[in-house]
Amino acid sequence: MPSSTPRPTRRQFLRSAAALAGVGAVAGCGGTAESSGTAVSRPDPEPPEDALTDPATVVLRTAPDEAVLREDDDTETDSEARIDEWRHSLIADRGTAASVSVADVDGAGAARQFLADTDFDAETVYVEGHVVGECYDRRLCWVRWTTERVETSYARVLRDADVACSADARVGVTHLIRLPVALDPGQVSRFSSRGGSGRCRTSPADGSNRSTEGGS
């Protein structure tokens, strides 16, 4: 019989974690996913000079084994899907954007509109997904790129105190990031992403990240 016990809120999770292991353990630290496997335990103290700290972004939350975006000819089934800690891809032309289906999750409409509004003659959408604890959000601090590489940095933060979540559950958090450059996916061969607990650091002139959260 399914349990009727209500799911704990993030505030209850925080109190339990603090009682068991101390507040320092709640902060935790993330790692880095990169082609070279280099690990970084926290966001950079300051964004690099060539980084963009406020790109237009849509954020979606899903089950960790659910593909948020899928091309129409993709026949992968749920039984074949595997949980990837880190997924990334580039959408660089209107044809690809038109062939993409968005999973039926909160914010799906915003994601479709985001792709439709992108000027692929001058812009590219970088899609990056990570698996995180259900009680956490993953905030984009900055992104930078060259013709051959895309790099991101994130901060892992606790969700609002009254959000129901489980300390043992994990979810997929996917960012659709609009880059103000027309990249050639065939030329981009390196991707890296770093992150950890803490806040994003930006210069006063940069302001906050412009993002559309697909779910709370």
N, C-alpha and C. Protein backbone atom coordinates (compact mmCIF):
# COMPACT_ATOMS: atom_id res chain seq x y z
N MET A 1 0.86 -1.19 0.00
CA MET A 1 0.00 0.00 0.00
C MET A 1 0.88 1.23 0.00
N PRO A 2 0.59 2.21 -0.86
CA PRO A 2 1.41 3.41 -0.88
C PRO A 2 1.33 4.16 0.43
N SER A 3 2.41 4.76 0.81
CA SER A 3 2.44 5.52 2.06
C SER A 3 1.67 6.80 1.91
N SER A 4 0.91 7.18 2.96
CA SER A 4 0.17 8.44 2.95
C SER A 4 0.93 9.53 3.67
N THR A 5 2.17 9.23 4.06
CA THR A 5 2.97 10.22 4.77
C THR A 5 3.33 11.36 3.84
N PRO A 6 3.03 12.61 4.21
CA PRO A 6 3.35 13.74 3.33
C PRO A 6 4.84 13.89 3.15
N ARG A 7 5.24 14.37 1.97
CA ARG A 7 6.66 14.57 1.70
C ARG A 7 7.17 15.75 2.51
N PRO A 8 8.38 15.66 3.05
CA PRO A 8 8.92 16.76 3.84
C PRO A 8 9.20 17.97 2.96
N THR A 9 9.08 19.15 3.55
CA THR A 9 9.45 20.35 2.82
C THR A 9 10.95 20.52 2.89
N ARG A 10 11.47 21.44 2.08
CA ARG A 10 12.91 21.70 2.10
C ARG A 10 13.34 22.19 3.46
N ARG A 11 12.48 22.94 4.19
CA ARG A 11 12.85 23.41 5.52
C ARG A 11 13.05 22.23 6.47
N GLN A 12 12.15 21.24 6.40
CA GLN A 12 12.29 20.07 7.25
C GLN A 12 13.54 19.27 6.89
N PHE A 13 13.82 19.18 5.60
CA PHE A 13 15.03 18.49 5.15
C PHE A 13 16.26 19.19 5.70
N LEU A 14 16.28 20.50 5.65
CA LEU A 14 17.42 21.27 6.12
C LEU A 14 17.64 21.05 7.61
N ARG A 15 16.55 21.07 8.37
CA ARG A 15 16.67 20.86 9.82
C ARG A 15 17.21 19.45 10.12
N SER A 16 16.70 18.45 9.41
CA SER A 16 17.14 17.07 9.64
C SER A 16 18.60 16.91 9.30
N ALA A 17 19.01 17.47 8.17
CA ALA A 17 20.40 17.34 7.74
C ALA A 17 21.33 18.04 8.72
N ALA A 18 20.91 19.21 9.19
CA ALA A 18 21.74 19.95 10.13
C ALA A 18 21.87 19.18 11.44
N ALA A 19 20.79 18.55 11.87
CA ALA A 19 20.83 17.81 13.13
C ALA A 19 21.72 16.58 13.02
N LEU A 20 21.74 15.94 11.86
CA LEU A 20 22.51 14.71 11.69
C LEU A 20 23.99 14.97 11.47
N ALA A 21 24.29 15.98 10.67
CA ALA A 21 25.68 16.12 10.23
C ALA A 21 26.25 17.50 10.39
N GLY A 22 25.50 18.45 10.90
CA GLY A 22 26.01 19.80 11.03
C GLY A 22 25.72 20.60 9.78
N VAL A 23 25.62 21.92 9.94
CA VAL A 23 25.25 22.77 8.82
C VAL A 23 26.25 22.68 7.69
N GLY A 24 27.52 22.49 8.01
CA GLY A 24 28.53 22.42 6.95
C GLY A 24 28.27 21.31 5.97
N ALA A 25 27.71 20.19 6.44
CA ALA A 25 27.44 19.07 5.55
C ALA A 25 26.30 19.36 4.61
N VAL A 26 25.39 20.25 5.01
CA VAL A 26 24.27 20.59 4.14
C VAL A 26 24.76 21.32 2.91
N ALA A 27 25.76 22.17 3.08
CA ALA A 27 26.27 22.94 1.93
C ALA A 27 26.82 22.01 0.87
N GLY A 28 27.60 21.03 1.26
CA GLY A 28 28.11 20.06 0.30
C GLY A 28 29.01 20.68 -0.73
N CYS A 29 29.41 19.91 -1.71
CA CYS A 29 30.14 20.42 -2.85
C CYS A 29 29.90 19.58 -4.06
N GLY A 30 29.88 20.24 -5.22
CA GLY A 30 29.69 19.52 -6.46
C GLY A 30 31.01 19.25 -7.12
N GLY A 31 30.96 18.68 -8.29
CA GLY A 31 32.16 18.39 -9.05
C GLY A 31 32.06 18.98 -10.43
N THR A 32 33.00 18.61 -11.26
CA THR A 32 33.02 19.11 -12.62
C THR A 32 32.90 17.97 -13.60
N ALA A 33 32.10 18.17 -14.63
CA ALA A 33 32.03 17.21 -15.73
C ALA A 33 32.73 17.83 -16.92
N GLU A 34 33.74 17.19 -17.42
CA GLU A 34 34.51 17.76 -18.52
C GLU A 34 35.16 16.63 -19.29
N SER A 35 35.46 16.90 -20.56
CA SER A 35 36.07 15.86 -21.38
C SER A 35 37.38 15.39 -20.78
N SER A 36 38.11 16.28 -20.11
CA SER A 36 39.38 15.90 -19.51
C SER A 36 39.22 15.34 -18.10
N GLY A 37 38.02 15.46 -17.51
CA GLY A 37 37.76 14.92 -16.19
C GLY A 37 38.29 15.75 -15.05
N THR A 38 38.67 16.98 -15.28
CA THR A 38 39.17 17.84 -14.21
C THR A 38 38.06 18.17 -13.23
N ALA A 39 38.33 18.09 -11.92
CA ALA A 39 37.32 18.34 -10.91
C ALA A 39 37.52 19.70 -10.27
N VAL A 40 36.42 20.42 -10.07
CA VAL A 40 36.43 21.69 -9.37
C VAL A 40 35.30 21.64 -8.36
N SER A 41 35.58 21.97 -7.10
CA SER A 41 34.62 21.75 -6.03
C SER A 41 33.68 22.91 -5.78
N ARG A 42 33.85 24.02 -6.46
CA ARG A 42 32.98 25.17 -6.22
C ARG A 42 33.02 26.10 -7.43
N PRO A 43 32.03 27.00 -7.54
CA PRO A 43 32.07 27.96 -8.64
C PRO A 43 33.30 28.85 -8.53
N ASP A 44 33.73 29.39 -9.66
CA ASP A 44 34.85 30.32 -9.62
C ASP A 44 34.50 31.52 -8.75
N PRO A 45 35.47 32.04 -7.94
CA PRO A 45 35.19 33.22 -7.13
C PRO A 45 34.71 34.40 -7.97
N GLU A 46 35.28 34.58 -9.13
CA GLU A 46 34.86 35.64 -10.04
C GLU A 46 34.73 35.05 -11.43
N PRO A 47 33.75 35.51 -12.22
CA PRO A 47 33.64 35.01 -13.59
C PRO A 47 34.81 35.50 -14.43
N PRO A 48 35.26 34.72 -15.41
CA PRO A 48 36.33 35.17 -16.29
C PRO A 48 35.89 36.42 -17.05
N GLU A 49 36.87 37.20 -17.49
CA GLU A 49 36.56 38.46 -18.17
C GLU A 49 35.76 38.24 -19.45
N ASP A 50 35.96 37.10 -20.10
CA ASP A 50 35.27 36.86 -21.37
C ASP A 50 33.97 36.07 -21.19
N ALA A 51 33.51 35.91 -19.95
CA ALA A 51 32.30 35.13 -19.69
C ALA A 51 31.06 36.01 -19.75
N LEU A 52 29.94 35.40 -20.12
CA LEU A 52 28.64 36.06 -20.12
C LEU A 52 27.89 35.60 -18.87
N THR A 53 27.50 36.55 -18.03
CA THR A 53 26.87 36.20 -16.75
C THR A 53 25.35 36.31 -16.77
N ASP A 54 24.78 36.85 -17.83
CA ASP A 54 23.33 37.03 -17.83
C ASP A 54 22.69 36.60 -19.15
N PRO A 55 23.00 35.44 -19.67
CA PRO A 55 22.37 35.01 -20.91
C PRO A 55 20.89 34.71 -20.71
N ALA A 56 20.11 34.87 -21.77
CA ALA A 56 18.71 34.46 -21.71
C ALA A 56 18.68 32.94 -21.53
N THR A 57 17.88 32.48 -20.57
CA THR A 57 17.92 31.07 -20.17
C THR A 57 16.53 30.58 -19.78
N VAL A 58 16.23 29.34 -20.12
CA VAL A 58 15.05 28.64 -19.63
C VAL A 58 15.52 27.42 -18.86
N VAL A 59 14.92 27.16 -17.70
CA VAL A 59 15.32 26.04 -16.85
C VAL A 59 14.14 25.09 -16.67
N LEU A 60 14.38 23.80 -16.88
CA LEU A 60 13.35 22.78 -16.73
C LEU A 60 13.81 21.71 -15.74
N ARG A 61 12.86 21.18 -14.98
CA ARG A 61 13.15 20.10 -14.04
C ARG A 61 12.35 18.87 -14.46
N THR A 62 13.02 17.69 -14.45
CA THR A 62 12.38 16.45 -14.86
C THR A 62 12.89 15.30 -13.99
N ALA A 63 12.35 14.11 -14.24
CA ALA A 63 12.93 12.91 -13.65
C ALA A 63 14.35 12.76 -14.19
N PRO A 64 15.27 12.20 -13.39
CA PRO A 64 16.67 12.16 -13.81
C PRO A 64 16.92 11.33 -15.06
N ASP A 65 16.03 10.37 -15.37
CA ASP A 65 16.23 9.53 -16.55
C ASP A 65 15.36 9.95 -17.73
N GLU A 66 14.76 11.13 -17.65
CA GLU A 66 13.87 11.61 -18.71
C GLU A 66 14.59 12.62 -19.59
N ALA A 67 14.55 12.38 -20.89
CA ALA A 67 15.14 13.33 -21.83
C ALA A 67 14.21 14.52 -21.98
N VAL A 68 14.72 15.72 -21.73
CA VAL A 68 13.89 16.93 -21.81
C VAL A 68 13.61 17.27 -23.27
N LEU A 69 14.64 17.21 -24.09
CA LEU A 69 14.50 17.50 -25.52
C LEU A 69 14.80 16.23 -26.30
N ARG A 70 14.00 15.98 -27.32
CA ARG A 70 14.19 14.78 -28.12
C ARG A 70 13.86 15.11 -29.57
N GLU A 71 14.74 14.72 -30.49
CA GLU A 71 14.43 14.93 -31.90
C GLU A 71 13.32 13.98 -32.31
N ASP A 72 12.48 14.41 -33.26
CA ASP A 72 11.29 13.65 -33.61
C ASP A 72 11.59 12.25 -34.10
N ASP A 73 12.77 12.03 -34.69
CA ASP A 73 13.09 10.69 -35.20
C ASP A 73 13.82 9.83 -34.17
N ASP A 74 13.93 10.31 -32.92
CA ASP A 74 14.60 9.56 -31.86
C ASP A 74 13.64 8.50 -31.34
N THR A 75 14.04 7.24 -31.41
CA THR A 75 13.17 6.14 -31.01
C THR A 75 13.54 5.56 -29.65
N GLU A 76 14.38 6.24 -28.89
CA GLU A 76 14.77 5.73 -27.58
C GLU A 76 13.56 5.56 -26.68
N THR A 77 13.47 4.44 -25.99
CA THR A 77 12.37 4.18 -25.08
C THR A 77 12.82 4.40 -23.65
N ASP A 78 11.84 4.47 -22.75
CA ASP A 78 12.17 4.69 -21.34
C ASP A 78 13.05 3.57 -20.81
N SER A 79 12.82 2.33 -21.26
CA SER A 79 13.60 1.21 -20.76
C SER A 79 15.05 1.29 -21.22
N GLU A 80 15.28 2.00 -22.34
CA GLU A 80 16.64 2.12 -22.86
C GLU A 80 17.36 3.33 -22.30
N ALA A 81 16.60 4.25 -21.72
CA ALA A 81 17.20 5.49 -21.23
C ALA A 81 18.11 5.19 -20.04
N ARG A 82 19.20 5.93 -19.93
CA ARG A 82 20.07 5.76 -18.79
C ARG A 82 20.24 7.11 -18.11
N ILE A 83 20.55 7.07 -16.83
CA ILE A 83 20.72 8.31 -16.08
C ILE A 83 22.11 8.85 -16.34
N ASP A 84 22.19 10.01 -16.95
CA ASP A 84 23.47 10.68 -17.18
C ASP A 84 23.59 11.82 -16.20
N GLU A 85 24.72 11.89 -15.51
CA GLU A 85 24.95 12.99 -14.59
C GLU A 85 25.07 14.31 -15.34
N TRP A 86 25.45 14.24 -16.60
CA TRP A 86 25.72 15.46 -17.36
C TRP A 86 25.40 15.22 -18.83
N ARG A 87 24.52 16.04 -19.38
CA ARG A 87 24.17 15.96 -20.80
C ARG A 87 24.37 17.34 -21.42
N HIS A 88 24.76 17.36 -22.67
CA HIS A 88 24.92 18.65 -23.33
C HIS A 88 24.76 18.49 -24.83
N SER A 89 24.24 19.54 -25.48
CA SER A 89 24.09 19.54 -26.93
C SER A 89 23.92 20.97 -27.39
N LEU A 90 24.08 21.17 -28.69
CA LEU A 90 23.91 22.49 -29.30
C LEU A 90 22.77 22.43 -30.31
N ILE A 91 21.93 23.44 -30.29
CA ILE A 91 20.90 23.62 -31.31
C ILE A 91 21.29 24.87 -32.08
N ALA A 92 21.69 24.67 -33.33
CA ALA A 92 22.33 25.77 -34.06
C ALA A 92 21.60 26.18 -35.33
N ASP A 93 20.44 25.58 -35.61
CA ASP A 93 19.72 25.97 -36.83
C ASP A 93 18.23 25.76 -36.63
N ARG A 94 17.45 26.42 -37.47
CA ARG A 94 15.99 26.36 -37.33
C ARG A 94 15.44 24.96 -37.57
N GLY A 95 16.06 24.24 -38.49
CA GLY A 95 15.59 22.89 -38.78
C GLY A 95 15.68 21.98 -37.58
N THR A 96 16.81 22.04 -36.89
CA THR A 96 16.97 21.22 -35.68
C THR A 96 15.99 21.65 -34.61
N ALA A 97 15.84 22.97 -34.43
CA ALA A 97 14.92 23.48 -33.41
C ALA A 97 13.49 23.03 -33.69
N ALA A 98 13.11 23.03 -34.97
CA ALA A 98 11.75 22.64 -35.34
C ALA A 98 11.50 21.15 -35.14
N SER A 99 12.57 20.35 -35.19
CA SER A 99 12.42 18.89 -35.06
C SER A 99 12.48 18.41 -33.62
N VAL A 100 12.69 19.34 -32.69
CA VAL A 100 12.84 18.97 -31.28
C VAL A 100 11.49 18.94 -30.58
N SER A 101 11.24 17.88 -29.84
CA SER A 101 10.07 17.78 -28.99
C SER A 101 10.49 18.03 -27.55
N VAL A 102 9.67 18.78 -26.82
CA VAL A 102 9.96 19.09 -25.43
C VAL A 102 9.09 18.22 -24.53
N ALA A 103 9.69 17.62 -23.52
CA ALA A 103 8.94 16.77 -22.59
C ALA A 103 7.81 17.55 -21.94
N ASP A 104 6.75 16.86 -21.58
CA ASP A 104 5.57 17.49 -20.99
C ASP A 104 5.83 17.77 -19.51
N VAL A 105 6.56 18.84 -19.26
CA VAL A 105 6.91 19.24 -17.90
C VAL A 105 6.58 20.72 -17.73
N ASP A 106 6.60 21.19 -16.50
CA ASP A 106 6.40 22.62 -16.25
C ASP A 106 7.45 23.41 -17.02
N GLY A 107 7.00 24.42 -17.74
CA GLY A 107 7.91 25.26 -18.50
C GLY A 107 8.13 24.81 -19.93
N ALA A 108 7.46 23.72 -20.36
CA ALA A 108 7.66 23.22 -21.72
C ALA A 108 7.27 24.28 -22.75
N GLY A 109 6.18 24.98 -22.50
CA GLY A 109 5.75 26.02 -23.43
C GLY A 109 6.77 27.14 -23.54
N ALA A 110 7.36 27.52 -22.41
CA ALA A 110 8.39 28.56 -22.43
C ALA A 110 9.60 28.09 -23.21
N ALA A 111 9.94 26.80 -23.09
CA ALA A 111 11.09 26.27 -23.83
C ALA A 111 10.83 26.28 -25.33
N ARG A 112 9.63 25.89 -25.74
CA ARG A 112 9.30 25.92 -27.17
C ARG A 112 9.36 27.33 -27.71
N GLN A 113 8.81 28.29 -26.95
CA GLN A 113 8.83 29.68 -27.41
C GLN A 113 10.25 30.21 -27.45
N PHE A 114 11.06 29.80 -26.50
CA PHE A 114 12.47 30.20 -26.45
C PHE A 114 13.19 29.78 -27.72
N LEU A 115 12.97 28.55 -28.15
CA LEU A 115 13.59 28.07 -29.38
C LEU A 115 13.04 28.82 -30.59
N ALA A 116 11.73 29.06 -30.60
CA ALA A 116 11.12 29.76 -31.73
C ALA A 116 11.62 31.19 -31.85
N ASP A 117 11.94 31.82 -30.73
CA ASP A 117 12.37 33.21 -30.73
C ASP A 117 13.86 33.38 -31.02
N THR A 118 14.61 32.29 -31.08
CA THR A 118 16.05 32.38 -31.29
C THR A 118 16.37 32.68 -32.75
N ASP A 119 17.24 33.64 -32.98
CA ASP A 119 17.71 33.99 -34.32
C ASP A 119 18.95 33.16 -34.62
N PHE A 120 18.77 32.03 -35.28
CA PHE A 120 19.89 31.11 -35.48
C PHE A 120 20.91 31.61 -36.50
N ASP A 121 20.62 32.72 -37.15
CA ASP A 121 21.64 33.33 -38.01
C ASP A 121 22.73 33.99 -37.16
N ALA A 122 22.37 34.34 -35.92
CA ALA A 122 23.33 35.04 -35.06
C ALA A 122 23.40 34.44 -33.66
N GLU A 123 22.60 33.42 -33.36
CA GLU A 123 22.54 32.86 -32.01
C GLU A 123 22.54 31.33 -32.05
N THR A 124 22.91 30.75 -30.92
CA THR A 124 22.91 29.30 -30.74
C THR A 124 22.32 28.99 -29.37
N VAL A 125 21.59 27.90 -29.27
CA VAL A 125 21.07 27.47 -27.97
C VAL A 125 21.91 26.30 -27.47
N TYR A 126 22.52 26.49 -26.32
CA TYR A 126 23.29 25.43 -25.67
C TYR A 126 22.40 24.77 -24.64
N VAL A 127 22.22 23.47 -24.75
CA VAL A 127 21.37 22.71 -23.84
C VAL A 127 22.26 21.89 -22.92
N GLU A 128 22.11 22.10 -21.61
CA GLU A 128 22.97 21.40 -20.66
C GLU A 128 22.14 20.90 -19.48
N GLY A 129 22.26 19.62 -19.18
CA GLY A 129 21.49 19.04 -18.09
C GLY A 129 22.38 18.38 -17.05
N HIS A 130 22.00 18.53 -15.78
CA HIS A 130 22.71 17.90 -14.67
C HIS A 130 21.70 17.19 -13.77
N VAL A 131 22.16 16.20 -13.05
CA VAL A 131 21.34 15.53 -12.04
C VAL A 131 21.72 16.07 -10.67
N VAL A 132 20.71 16.53 -9.91
CA VAL A 132 20.96 17.13 -8.60
C VAL A 132 19.98 16.55 -7.59
N GLY A 133 20.24 16.79 -6.31
CA GLY A 133 19.29 16.42 -5.27
C GLY A 133 18.00 17.21 -5.43
N GLU A 134 16.88 16.58 -5.11
CA GLU A 134 15.58 17.21 -5.33
C GLU A 134 15.41 18.49 -4.53
N CYS A 135 16.11 18.63 -3.43
CA CYS A 135 15.97 19.82 -2.58
C CYS A 135 16.85 20.97 -3.05
N TYR A 136 17.50 20.82 -4.20
CA TYR A 136 18.44 21.84 -4.67
C TYR A 136 18.06 22.39 -6.04
N ASP A 137 18.48 23.60 -6.30
CA ASP A 137 18.47 24.20 -7.63
C ASP A 137 19.91 24.33 -8.10
N ARG A 138 20.07 24.43 -9.41
CA ARG A 138 21.39 24.65 -9.99
C ARG A 138 21.31 25.95 -10.77
N ARG A 139 21.99 26.98 -10.29
CA ARG A 139 21.92 28.31 -10.89
C ARG A 139 23.12 28.55 -11.81
N LEU A 140 22.84 29.00 -13.00
CA LEU A 140 23.92 29.31 -13.94
C LEU A 140 24.61 30.60 -13.52
N CYS A 141 25.91 30.52 -13.30
CA CYS A 141 26.70 31.70 -12.94
C CYS A 141 27.25 32.40 -14.17
N TRP A 142 27.80 31.61 -15.09
CA TRP A 142 28.33 32.21 -16.32
C TRP A 142 28.54 31.15 -17.38
N VAL A 143 28.66 31.61 -18.60
CA VAL A 143 28.99 30.75 -19.73
C VAL A 143 29.98 31.49 -20.61
N ARG A 144 30.90 30.76 -21.20
CA ARG A 144 31.80 31.35 -22.18
C ARG A 144 32.09 30.30 -23.25
N TRP A 145 32.58 30.76 -24.38
CA TRP A 145 32.74 29.87 -25.51
C TRP A 145 33.82 30.38 -26.46
N THR A 146 34.29 29.47 -27.28
CA THR A 146 35.11 29.78 -28.45
C THR A 146 34.48 29.01 -29.60
N THR A 147 35.10 29.03 -30.76
CA THR A 147 34.57 28.26 -31.88
C THR A 147 34.69 26.76 -31.65
N GLU A 148 35.48 26.36 -30.63
CA GLU A 148 35.73 24.93 -30.40
C GLU A 148 35.28 24.44 -29.02
N ARG A 149 34.86 25.34 -28.14
CA ARG A 149 34.59 24.93 -26.76
C ARG A 149 33.47 25.76 -26.15
N VAL A 150 32.68 25.10 -25.26
CA VAL A 150 31.68 25.78 -24.44
C VAL A 150 31.94 25.40 -22.99
N GLU A 151 31.94 26.39 -22.11
CA GLU A 151 32.24 26.17 -20.69
C GLU A 151 31.21 26.89 -19.83
N THR A 152 30.77 26.24 -18.77
CA THR A 152 29.78 26.84 -17.87
C THR A 152 30.22 26.69 -16.42
N SER A 153 29.62 27.51 -15.56
CA SER A 153 29.84 27.41 -14.12
C SER A 153 28.50 27.63 -13.43
N TYR A 154 28.22 26.80 -12.42
CA TYR A 154 26.95 26.84 -11.71
C TYR A 154 27.16 26.93 -10.20
N ALA A 155 26.13 27.40 -9.52
CA ALA A 155 26.08 27.35 -8.07
C ALA A 155 24.91 26.46 -7.66
N ARG A 156 25.15 25.58 -6.71
CA ARG A 156 24.08 24.73 -6.19
C ARG A 156 23.51 25.38 -4.94
N VAL A 157 22.21 25.65 -4.96
CA VAL A 157 21.56 26.34 -3.84
C VAL A 157 20.33 25.56 -3.40
N LEU A 158 19.99 25.68 -2.13
CA LEU A 158 18.78 25.05 -1.62
C LEU A 158 17.54 25.74 -2.16
N ARG A 159 16.51 24.97 -2.44
CA ARG A 159 15.26 25.52 -2.94
C ARG A 159 14.52 26.22 -1.80
N ASP A 160 13.40 26.87 -2.14
CA ASP A 160 12.62 27.58 -1.14
C ASP A 160 12.24 26.64 0.00
N ALA A 161 12.17 27.19 1.19
CA ALA A 161 12.00 26.39 2.40
C ALA A 161 10.71 25.58 2.41
N ASP A 162 9.66 26.05 1.75
CA ASP A 162 8.38 25.36 1.82
C ASP A 162 8.13 24.43 0.63
N VAL A 163 9.14 24.21 -0.20
CA VAL A 163 9.00 23.29 -1.33
C VAL A 163 9.13 21.85 -0.84
N ALA A 164 8.17 21.00 -1.19
CA ALA A 164 8.23 19.59 -0.80
C ALA A 164 9.33 18.89 -1.58
N CYS A 165 10.17 18.13 -0.89
CA CYS A 165 11.26 17.42 -1.55
C CYS A 165 11.72 16.29 -0.65
N SER A 166 12.48 15.39 -1.22
CA SER A 166 13.04 14.26 -0.49
C SER A 166 14.55 14.33 -0.52
N ALA A 167 15.17 14.11 0.62
CA ALA A 167 16.63 14.17 0.69
C ALA A 167 17.28 13.08 -0.15
N ASP A 168 16.56 11.98 -0.40
CA ASP A 168 17.13 10.86 -1.14
C ASP A 168 16.83 10.90 -2.63
N ALA A 169 15.92 11.77 -3.05
CA ALA A 169 15.50 11.80 -4.46
C ALA A 169 16.41 12.70 -5.28
N ARG A 170 16.50 12.39 -6.56
CA ARG A 170 17.28 13.21 -7.48
C ARG A 170 16.41 13.60 -8.67
N VAL A 171 16.73 14.73 -9.27
CA VAL A 171 15.99 15.22 -10.43
C VAL A 171 16.98 15.71 -11.48
N GLY A 172 16.50 15.82 -12.69
CA GLY A 172 17.30 16.41 -13.75
C GLY A 172 16.97 17.88 -13.88
N VAL A 173 17.99 18.72 -13.95
CA VAL A 173 17.82 20.16 -14.16
C VAL A 173 18.50 20.52 -15.48
N THR A 174 17.72 20.99 -16.43
CA THR A 174 18.24 21.29 -17.76
C THR A 174 18.14 22.78 -18.05
N HIS A 175 19.24 23.36 -18.49
CA HIS A 175 19.29 24.77 -18.88
C HIS A 175 19.34 24.88 -20.41
N LEU A 176 18.47 25.69 -20.96
CA LEU A 176 18.55 26.10 -22.35
C LEU A 176 19.15 27.50 -22.34
N ILE A 177 20.35 27.65 -22.85
CA ILE A 177 21.11 28.89 -22.75
C ILE A 177 21.30 29.48 -24.14
N ARG A 178 20.84 30.69 -24.35
CA ARG A 178 20.99 31.33 -25.67
C ARG A 178 22.33 32.07 -25.73
N LEU A 179 23.19 31.63 -26.61
CA LEU A 179 24.49 32.26 -26.82
C LEU A 179 24.39 33.24 -27.98
N PRO A 180 24.93 34.44 -27.83
CA PRO A 180 24.84 35.46 -28.89
C PRO A 180 25.90 35.25 -29.97
N VAL A 181 25.96 34.04 -30.50
CA VAL A 181 26.94 33.71 -31.53
C VAL A 181 26.41 32.51 -32.31
N ALA A 182 26.69 32.48 -33.59
CA ALA A 182 26.29 31.34 -34.42
C ALA A 182 27.43 30.33 -34.44
N LEU A 183 27.32 29.30 -33.61
CA LEU A 183 28.36 28.27 -33.53
C LEU A 183 28.07 27.14 -34.52
N ASP A 184 29.13 26.48 -34.95
CA ASP A 184 29.03 25.30 -35.80
C ASP A 184 29.23 24.08 -34.91
N PRO A 185 28.18 23.27 -34.66
CA PRO A 185 28.34 22.11 -33.77
C PRO A 185 29.44 21.16 -34.21
N GLY A 186 29.71 21.11 -35.51
CA GLY A 186 30.76 20.24 -35.99
C GLY A 186 32.15 20.68 -35.59
N GLN A 187 32.29 21.96 -35.23
CA GLN A 187 33.58 22.50 -34.82
C GLN A 187 33.76 22.51 -33.31
N VAL A 188 32.67 22.42 -32.57
CA VAL A 188 32.75 22.47 -31.10
C VAL A 188 32.98 21.05 -30.58
N SER A 189 34.17 20.80 -30.06
CA SER A 189 34.54 19.45 -29.64
C SER A 189 34.79 19.32 -28.14
N ARG A 190 34.79 20.43 -27.41
CA ARG A 190 35.08 20.38 -25.98
C ARG A 190 33.98 21.09 -25.21
N PHE A 191 33.52 20.44 -24.16
CA PHE A 191 32.51 21.00 -23.28
C PHE A 191 32.97 20.79 -21.84
N SER A 192 32.76 21.77 -20.99
CA SER A 192 33.11 21.61 -19.58
C SER A 192 32.10 22.34 -18.72
N SER A 193 31.93 21.84 -17.51
CA SER A 193 30.98 22.44 -16.58
C SER A 193 31.49 22.25 -15.17
N ARG A 194 31.48 23.31 -14.40
CA ARG A 194 31.93 23.24 -13.01
C ARG A 194 30.82 23.77 -12.12
N GLY A 195 30.88 23.41 -10.86
CA GLY A 195 29.85 23.90 -9.97
C GLY A 195 30.03 23.38 -8.56
N GLY A 196 29.30 23.97 -7.64
CA GLY A 196 29.34 23.56 -6.25
C GLY A 196 28.45 24.46 -5.43
N SER A 197 28.47 24.29 -4.13
CA SER A 197 27.64 25.11 -3.27
C SER A 197 28.18 26.53 -3.21
N GLY A 198 27.30 27.46 -2.94
CA GLY A 198 27.71 28.86 -2.88
C GLY A 198 26.87 29.71 -3.80
N ARG A 199 27.17 30.98 -3.84
CA ARG A 199 26.43 31.92 -4.67
C ARG A 199 27.24 32.30 -5.89
N CYS A 200 26.52 32.66 -6.95
CA CYS A 200 27.19 33.18 -8.14
C CYS A 200 27.78 34.54 -7.82
N ARG A 201 28.98 34.79 -8.33
CA ARG A 201 29.63 36.08 -8.15
C ARG A 201 29.62 36.80 -9.48
N THR A 202 29.02 37.99 -9.50
CA THR A 202 29.00 38.81 -10.71
C THR A 202 29.36 40.23 -10.35
N SER A 203 29.82 40.96 -11.33
CA SER A 203 30.13 42.37 -11.11
C SER A 203 28.84 43.15 -10.99
N PRO A 204 28.81 44.30 -10.27
CA PRO A 204 27.59 45.07 -10.09
C PRO A 204 26.95 45.47 -11.41
N ALA A 205 27.76 45.68 -12.44
CA ALA A 205 27.23 46.12 -13.72
C ALA A 205 26.49 45.01 -14.45
N ASP A 206 26.80 43.76 -14.10
CA ASP A 206 26.21 42.64 -14.81
C ASP A 206 24.78 42.36 -14.37
N GLY A 207 24.49 42.57 -13.09
CA GLY A 207 23.17 42.27 -12.59
C GLY A 207 22.97 40.78 -12.41
N SER A 208 21.71 40.37 -12.33
CA SER A 208 21.39 38.97 -12.10
C SER A 208 21.20 38.24 -13.41
N ASN A 209 21.28 36.91 -13.34
CA ASN A 209 21.00 36.10 -14.52
C ASN A 209 19.54 36.27 -14.92
N ARG A 210 19.30 36.43 -16.23
CA ARG A 210 17.94 36.44 -16.73
C ARG A 210 17.56 34.99 -16.99
N SER A 211 16.66 34.45 -16.21
CA SER A 211 16.29 33.05 -16.41
C SER A 211 14.80 32.88 -16.22
N THR A 212 14.25 31.87 -16.91
CA THR A 212 12.87 31.50 -16.74
C THR A 212 12.85 30.12 -16.12
N GLU A 213 12.40 30.03 -14.88
CA GLU A 213 12.37 28.74 -14.20
C GLU A 213 11.14 27.97 -14.66
N GLY A 214 11.36 26.74 -15.11
CA GLY A 214 10.25 25.94 -15.58
C GLY A 214 9.46 25.29 -14.46
N GLY A 215 10.02 25.19 -13.29
CA GLY A 215 9.30 24.58 -12.17
C GLY A 215 9.99 24.93 -10.88
N SER A 216 9.25 24.89 -9.78
CA SER A 216 9.83 25.24 -8.50
C SER A 216 10.16 24.02 -7.71
